[in-house]
N, C-alpha and C. Protein backbone atom coordinates (compact mmCIF):
# COMPACT_ATOMS: atom_id res chain seq x y z
N MET A 1 -37.86 102.21 -158.18
CA MET A 1 -36.45 102.50 -157.94
C MET A 1 -35.94 103.58 -158.96
N LEU A 2 -36.48 103.46 -160.20
CA LEU A 2 -36.10 104.48 -161.24
C LEU A 2 -36.60 105.83 -160.84
N ILE A 3 -37.77 105.90 -160.18
CA ILE A 3 -38.32 107.21 -159.78
C ILE A 3 -37.46 107.78 -158.74
N GLU A 4 -36.87 106.97 -157.78
CA GLU A 4 -35.98 107.52 -156.74
C GLU A 4 -34.74 107.99 -157.26
N ILE A 5 -34.16 107.28 -158.30
CA ILE A 5 -32.96 107.69 -158.94
C ILE A 5 -33.18 109.01 -159.65
N GLY A 6 -34.33 109.17 -160.28
CA GLY A 6 -34.63 110.39 -161.03
C GLY A 6 -34.79 111.52 -160.07
N ASN A 7 -35.41 111.31 -158.90
CA ASN A 7 -35.54 112.35 -157.90
C ASN A 7 -34.13 112.79 -157.35
N ILE A 8 -33.26 111.81 -157.10
CA ILE A 8 -31.91 112.12 -156.63
C ILE A 8 -31.17 112.91 -157.69
N LEU A 9 -31.33 112.54 -158.96
CA LEU A 9 -30.59 113.32 -160.04
C LEU A 9 -31.17 114.67 -160.12
N GLN A 10 -32.48 114.92 -159.94
CA GLN A 10 -33.06 116.26 -159.97
C GLN A 10 -32.49 117.09 -158.88
N VAL A 11 -32.30 116.52 -157.69
CA VAL A 11 -31.76 117.28 -156.54
C VAL A 11 -30.30 117.64 -156.83
N VAL A 12 -29.55 116.67 -157.37
CA VAL A 12 -28.13 116.95 -157.70
C VAL A 12 -28.01 118.04 -158.77
N LEU A 13 -28.85 117.96 -159.82
CA LEU A 13 -28.87 118.98 -160.86
C LEU A 13 -29.28 120.32 -160.39
N SER A 14 -30.21 120.38 -159.43
CA SER A 14 -30.64 121.68 -158.86
C SER A 14 -29.47 122.34 -158.12
N TYR A 15 -28.72 121.53 -157.36
CA TYR A 15 -27.55 122.11 -156.69
C TYR A 15 -26.44 122.51 -157.68
N PHE A 16 -26.31 121.75 -158.78
CA PHE A 16 -25.35 122.11 -159.83
C PHE A 16 -25.74 123.41 -160.48
N LYS A 17 -27.04 123.56 -160.78
CA LYS A 17 -27.54 124.83 -161.32
C LYS A 17 -27.33 126.00 -160.39
N LEU A 18 -27.53 125.77 -159.10
CA LEU A 18 -27.27 126.82 -158.08
C LEU A 18 -25.80 127.23 -158.04
N PHE A 19 -24.87 126.22 -158.14
CA PHE A 19 -23.46 126.50 -158.19
C PHE A 19 -23.15 127.28 -159.43
N VAL A 20 -23.62 126.92 -160.59
CA VAL A 20 -23.36 127.67 -161.82
C VAL A 20 -23.87 129.11 -161.75
N LYS A 21 -25.04 129.31 -161.14
CA LYS A 21 -25.61 130.64 -160.97
C LYS A 21 -24.72 131.45 -160.06
N TRP A 22 -24.22 130.89 -158.97
CA TRP A 22 -23.32 131.55 -158.00
C TRP A 22 -22.02 131.94 -158.67
N PHE A 23 -21.46 130.96 -159.42
CA PHE A 23 -20.17 131.14 -160.12
C PHE A 23 -20.30 132.30 -161.11
N SER A 24 -21.42 132.34 -161.89
CA SER A 24 -21.59 133.39 -162.82
C SER A 24 -21.71 134.77 -162.13
N GLY A 25 -22.49 134.83 -161.06
CA GLY A 25 -22.61 136.09 -160.35
C GLY A 25 -21.31 136.52 -159.74
N MET A 26 -20.58 135.57 -159.17
CA MET A 26 -19.23 135.87 -158.63
C MET A 26 -18.27 136.41 -159.70
N ASN A 27 -18.34 135.82 -160.89
CA ASN A 27 -17.49 136.25 -162.01
C ASN A 27 -17.82 137.68 -162.41
N GLN A 28 -19.05 138.00 -162.52
CA GLN A 28 -19.54 139.38 -162.83
C GLN A 28 -19.02 140.37 -161.74
N TYR A 29 -19.25 140.00 -160.50
CA TYR A 29 -18.81 140.94 -159.42
C TYR A 29 -17.32 141.18 -159.43
N VAL A 30 -16.53 140.08 -159.53
CA VAL A 30 -15.09 140.24 -159.56
C VAL A 30 -14.61 141.01 -160.74
N HIS A 31 -15.17 140.74 -161.86
CA HIS A 31 -14.77 141.47 -163.12
C HIS A 31 -15.10 142.97 -163.02
N ALA A 32 -16.26 143.32 -162.40
CA ALA A 32 -16.63 144.70 -162.28
C ALA A 32 -15.82 145.45 -161.29
N HIS A 33 -15.41 144.73 -160.22
CA HIS A 33 -14.68 145.50 -159.14
C HIS A 33 -13.14 145.34 -159.16
N PHE A 34 -12.64 144.28 -159.76
CA PHE A 34 -11.19 144.01 -159.71
C PHE A 34 -10.54 143.87 -161.07
N GLY A 35 -11.30 143.58 -162.07
CA GLY A 35 -10.72 143.52 -163.45
C GLY A 35 -10.65 142.08 -163.96
N LEU A 36 -10.27 142.07 -165.18
CA LEU A 36 -10.18 140.75 -165.93
C LEU A 36 -9.18 139.80 -165.35
N PHE A 37 -7.97 140.25 -165.03
CA PHE A 37 -6.92 139.35 -164.57
C PHE A 37 -7.24 138.67 -163.25
N VAL A 38 -7.83 139.40 -162.39
CA VAL A 38 -8.24 138.83 -161.04
C VAL A 38 -9.33 137.81 -161.35
N GLN A 39 -10.25 138.11 -162.23
CA GLN A 39 -11.34 137.20 -162.52
C GLN A 39 -10.75 135.86 -163.11
N LEU A 40 -9.79 135.98 -163.98
CA LEU A 40 -9.19 134.74 -164.53
C LEU A 40 -8.39 133.98 -163.56
N ALA A 41 -7.72 134.67 -162.65
CA ALA A 41 -6.97 134.01 -161.57
C ALA A 41 -7.86 133.33 -160.64
N LEU A 42 -9.00 133.95 -160.26
CA LEU A 42 -9.95 133.31 -159.39
C LEU A 42 -10.64 132.10 -160.03
N ASP A 43 -10.95 132.22 -161.28
CA ASP A 43 -11.59 131.12 -162.01
C ASP A 43 -10.61 129.92 -162.07
N LEU A 44 -9.32 130.20 -162.33
CA LEU A 44 -8.32 129.07 -162.37
C LEU A 44 -8.19 128.45 -160.99
N LEU A 45 -8.20 129.26 -159.97
CA LEU A 45 -8.09 128.76 -158.60
C LEU A 45 -9.32 127.87 -158.27
N ILE A 46 -10.46 128.34 -158.57
CA ILE A 46 -11.65 127.57 -158.33
C ILE A 46 -11.69 126.19 -159.10
N LEU A 47 -11.32 126.30 -160.34
CA LEU A 47 -11.24 125.07 -161.19
C LEU A 47 -10.22 124.13 -160.61
N TYR A 48 -9.07 124.64 -160.15
CA TYR A 48 -8.00 123.79 -159.58
C TYR A 48 -8.53 123.11 -158.32
N ILE A 49 -9.22 123.85 -157.50
CA ILE A 49 -9.75 123.23 -156.22
C ILE A 49 -10.80 122.11 -156.59
N ILE A 50 -11.68 122.38 -157.54
CA ILE A 50 -12.62 121.36 -157.99
C ILE A 50 -11.91 120.18 -158.53
N PHE A 51 -10.88 120.36 -159.34
CA PHE A 51 -10.13 119.22 -159.91
C PHE A 51 -9.44 118.43 -158.80
N MET A 52 -8.88 119.10 -157.83
CA MET A 52 -8.19 118.42 -156.72
C MET A 52 -9.17 117.59 -155.89
N VAL A 53 -10.37 118.11 -155.63
CA VAL A 53 -11.34 117.43 -154.86
C VAL A 53 -11.81 116.12 -155.64
N ILE A 54 -12.08 116.28 -156.94
CA ILE A 54 -12.47 115.13 -157.72
C ILE A 54 -11.32 114.07 -157.79
N TYR A 55 -10.06 114.56 -157.95
CA TYR A 55 -8.94 113.67 -158.04
C TYR A 55 -8.77 112.89 -156.67
N GLN A 56 -8.90 113.58 -155.53
CA GLN A 56 -8.82 112.89 -154.27
C GLN A 56 -9.94 111.90 -154.05
N LEU A 57 -11.13 112.22 -154.53
CA LEU A 57 -12.25 111.27 -154.41
C LEU A 57 -12.03 109.99 -155.24
N ILE A 58 -11.53 110.20 -156.45
CA ILE A 58 -11.19 109.01 -157.32
C ILE A 58 -10.09 108.21 -156.67
N LYS A 59 -9.05 108.88 -156.18
CA LYS A 59 -7.95 108.14 -155.58
C LYS A 59 -8.39 107.34 -154.34
N LEU A 60 -9.26 107.96 -153.54
CA LEU A 60 -9.80 107.27 -152.36
C LEU A 60 -10.66 106.08 -152.75
N SER A 61 -11.45 106.24 -153.76
CA SER A 61 -12.33 105.10 -154.20
C SER A 61 -11.45 103.90 -154.69
N PHE A 62 -10.41 104.22 -155.47
CA PHE A 62 -9.53 103.10 -155.85
C PHE A 62 -8.78 102.47 -154.74
N ARG A 63 -8.38 103.30 -153.74
CA ARG A 63 -7.76 102.80 -152.59
C ARG A 63 -8.68 101.81 -151.81
N ILE A 64 -9.96 102.25 -151.65
CA ILE A 64 -10.90 101.38 -150.98
C ILE A 64 -11.17 100.10 -151.76
N LEU A 65 -11.27 100.23 -153.07
CA LEU A 65 -11.52 99.10 -153.97
C LEU A 65 -10.38 98.08 -153.84
N PHE A 66 -9.14 98.48 -153.95
CA PHE A 66 -8.01 97.56 -153.94
C PHE A 66 -7.55 97.15 -152.59
N ARG A 67 -7.89 97.86 -151.51
CA ARG A 67 -7.42 97.44 -150.23
C ARG A 67 -8.52 96.69 -149.38
N ILE A 68 -9.82 96.90 -149.74
CA ILE A 68 -10.85 96.34 -148.96
C ILE A 68 -11.76 95.47 -149.78
N VAL A 69 -12.32 95.97 -150.86
CA VAL A 69 -13.40 95.26 -151.56
C VAL A 69 -12.88 94.01 -152.26
N ILE A 70 -11.88 94.15 -153.05
CA ILE A 70 -11.34 92.98 -153.81
C ILE A 70 -10.73 91.89 -152.91
N PRO A 71 -9.92 92.31 -151.88
CA PRO A 71 -9.40 91.24 -150.99
C PRO A 71 -10.54 90.48 -150.24
N ALA A 72 -11.56 91.32 -149.80
CA ALA A 72 -12.66 90.73 -149.05
C ALA A 72 -13.42 89.71 -149.89
N VAL A 73 -13.66 90.04 -151.13
CA VAL A 73 -14.39 89.13 -152.10
C VAL A 73 -13.50 87.87 -152.28
N ILE A 74 -12.22 88.00 -152.48
CA ILE A 74 -11.37 86.85 -152.66
C ILE A 74 -11.32 85.95 -151.41
N LEU A 75 -11.12 86.60 -150.30
CA LEU A 75 -11.13 85.80 -149.01
C LEU A 75 -12.45 85.11 -148.78
N ALA A 76 -13.54 85.76 -149.04
CA ALA A 76 -14.87 85.18 -148.81
C ALA A 76 -15.07 84.03 -149.85
N GLY A 77 -14.58 84.21 -151.04
CA GLY A 77 -14.67 83.14 -152.01
C GLY A 77 -13.86 81.90 -151.61
N VAL A 78 -12.69 82.13 -151.04
CA VAL A 78 -11.84 81.02 -150.61
C VAL A 78 -12.54 80.28 -149.42
N VAL A 79 -13.10 81.02 -148.49
CA VAL A 79 -13.63 80.43 -147.33
C VAL A 79 -14.94 79.67 -147.75
N VAL A 80 -15.72 80.21 -148.68
CA VAL A 80 -16.92 79.52 -149.15
C VAL A 80 -16.54 78.25 -149.87
N PHE A 81 -15.41 78.31 -150.59
CA PHE A 81 -14.95 77.03 -151.29
C PHE A 81 -14.62 75.93 -150.34
N PHE A 82 -14.01 76.29 -149.20
CA PHE A 82 -13.54 75.20 -148.30
C PHE A 82 -14.53 74.94 -147.17
N THR A 83 -15.49 75.80 -146.91
CA THR A 83 -16.44 75.50 -145.84
C THR A 83 -17.84 75.52 -146.40
N SER A 84 -18.85 75.43 -145.54
CA SER A 84 -20.25 75.38 -145.92
C SER A 84 -20.97 76.73 -145.66
N TYR A 85 -20.17 77.78 -145.33
CA TYR A 85 -20.81 79.11 -145.12
C TYR A 85 -21.28 79.69 -146.42
N SER A 86 -22.28 80.55 -146.30
CA SER A 86 -22.79 81.28 -147.44
C SER A 86 -21.93 82.49 -147.72
N PHE A 87 -21.73 82.77 -148.98
CA PHE A 87 -20.98 83.92 -149.47
C PHE A 87 -21.39 85.24 -148.83
N LEU A 88 -22.71 85.44 -148.92
CA LEU A 88 -23.23 86.70 -148.39
C LEU A 88 -23.25 86.83 -146.91
N ASN A 89 -23.08 85.72 -146.21
CA ASN A 89 -23.01 85.75 -144.74
C ASN A 89 -21.59 85.96 -144.29
N ILE A 90 -20.62 85.54 -145.05
CA ILE A 90 -19.21 85.63 -144.64
C ILE A 90 -18.52 86.93 -145.16
N LEU A 91 -19.10 87.50 -146.26
CA LEU A 91 -18.49 88.68 -146.83
C LEU A 91 -18.41 89.89 -145.87
N PRO A 92 -19.45 90.21 -145.10
CA PRO A 92 -19.35 91.41 -144.20
C PRO A 92 -18.29 91.19 -143.16
N ILE A 93 -18.03 89.96 -142.72
CA ILE A 93 -17.02 89.67 -141.70
C ILE A 93 -15.65 90.02 -142.26
N PHE A 94 -15.38 89.66 -143.48
CA PHE A 94 -14.08 89.98 -144.08
C PHE A 94 -13.98 91.44 -144.41
N VAL A 95 -15.05 92.11 -144.76
CA VAL A 95 -14.94 93.52 -145.03
C VAL A 95 -14.65 94.29 -143.72
N CYS A 96 -15.27 93.90 -142.60
CA CYS A 96 -14.97 94.51 -141.31
C CYS A 96 -13.51 94.25 -140.92
N LEU A 97 -13.09 92.99 -141.14
CA LEU A 97 -11.72 92.64 -140.76
C LEU A 97 -10.72 93.43 -141.56
N LEU A 98 -10.88 93.59 -142.87
CA LEU A 98 -9.95 94.36 -143.66
C LEU A 98 -10.04 95.88 -143.35
N VAL A 99 -11.22 96.35 -143.01
CA VAL A 99 -11.30 97.73 -142.58
C VAL A 99 -10.46 97.97 -141.31
N ALA A 100 -10.64 97.06 -140.33
CA ALA A 100 -9.86 97.18 -139.10
C ALA A 100 -8.35 97.05 -139.36
N ILE A 101 -7.97 96.15 -140.21
CA ILE A 101 -6.52 96.00 -140.50
C ILE A 101 -6.01 97.24 -141.21
N ASN A 102 -6.74 97.80 -142.14
CA ASN A 102 -6.26 99.04 -142.78
C ASN A 102 -6.27 100.22 -141.86
N LEU A 103 -7.20 100.29 -140.88
CA LEU A 103 -7.17 101.38 -139.90
C LEU A 103 -5.94 101.25 -139.01
N ILE A 104 -5.62 100.07 -138.59
CA ILE A 104 -4.45 99.85 -137.70
C ILE A 104 -3.16 100.13 -138.50
N ARG A 105 -3.12 99.72 -139.75
CA ARG A 105 -1.94 99.88 -140.58
C ARG A 105 -1.70 101.36 -140.91
N THR A 106 -2.72 102.20 -140.98
CA THR A 106 -2.59 103.61 -141.37
C THR A 106 -2.11 104.47 -140.26
């Protein structure tokens, strides 16, 4: 399992290195053809887009956590406490139920 995680991290780092190489080349091209101020404006724009994508991913993950995962675990725990069902057997049912409820609510 650690070998698989290492392989995944190598692939992610190779894509990150590719992005950094592209970003550096783009900066040199823009600076040579349009000047320093356009290069700075473009850099700020790209950093803003990256920040907004990361922010939206974090916001979405917290929304999933608080609207689906935590309520499903609580409901499954309550059902397991009062019935003889297994926790791992009943948890997917509540996850699907809460996903459906949230899809209808949205």
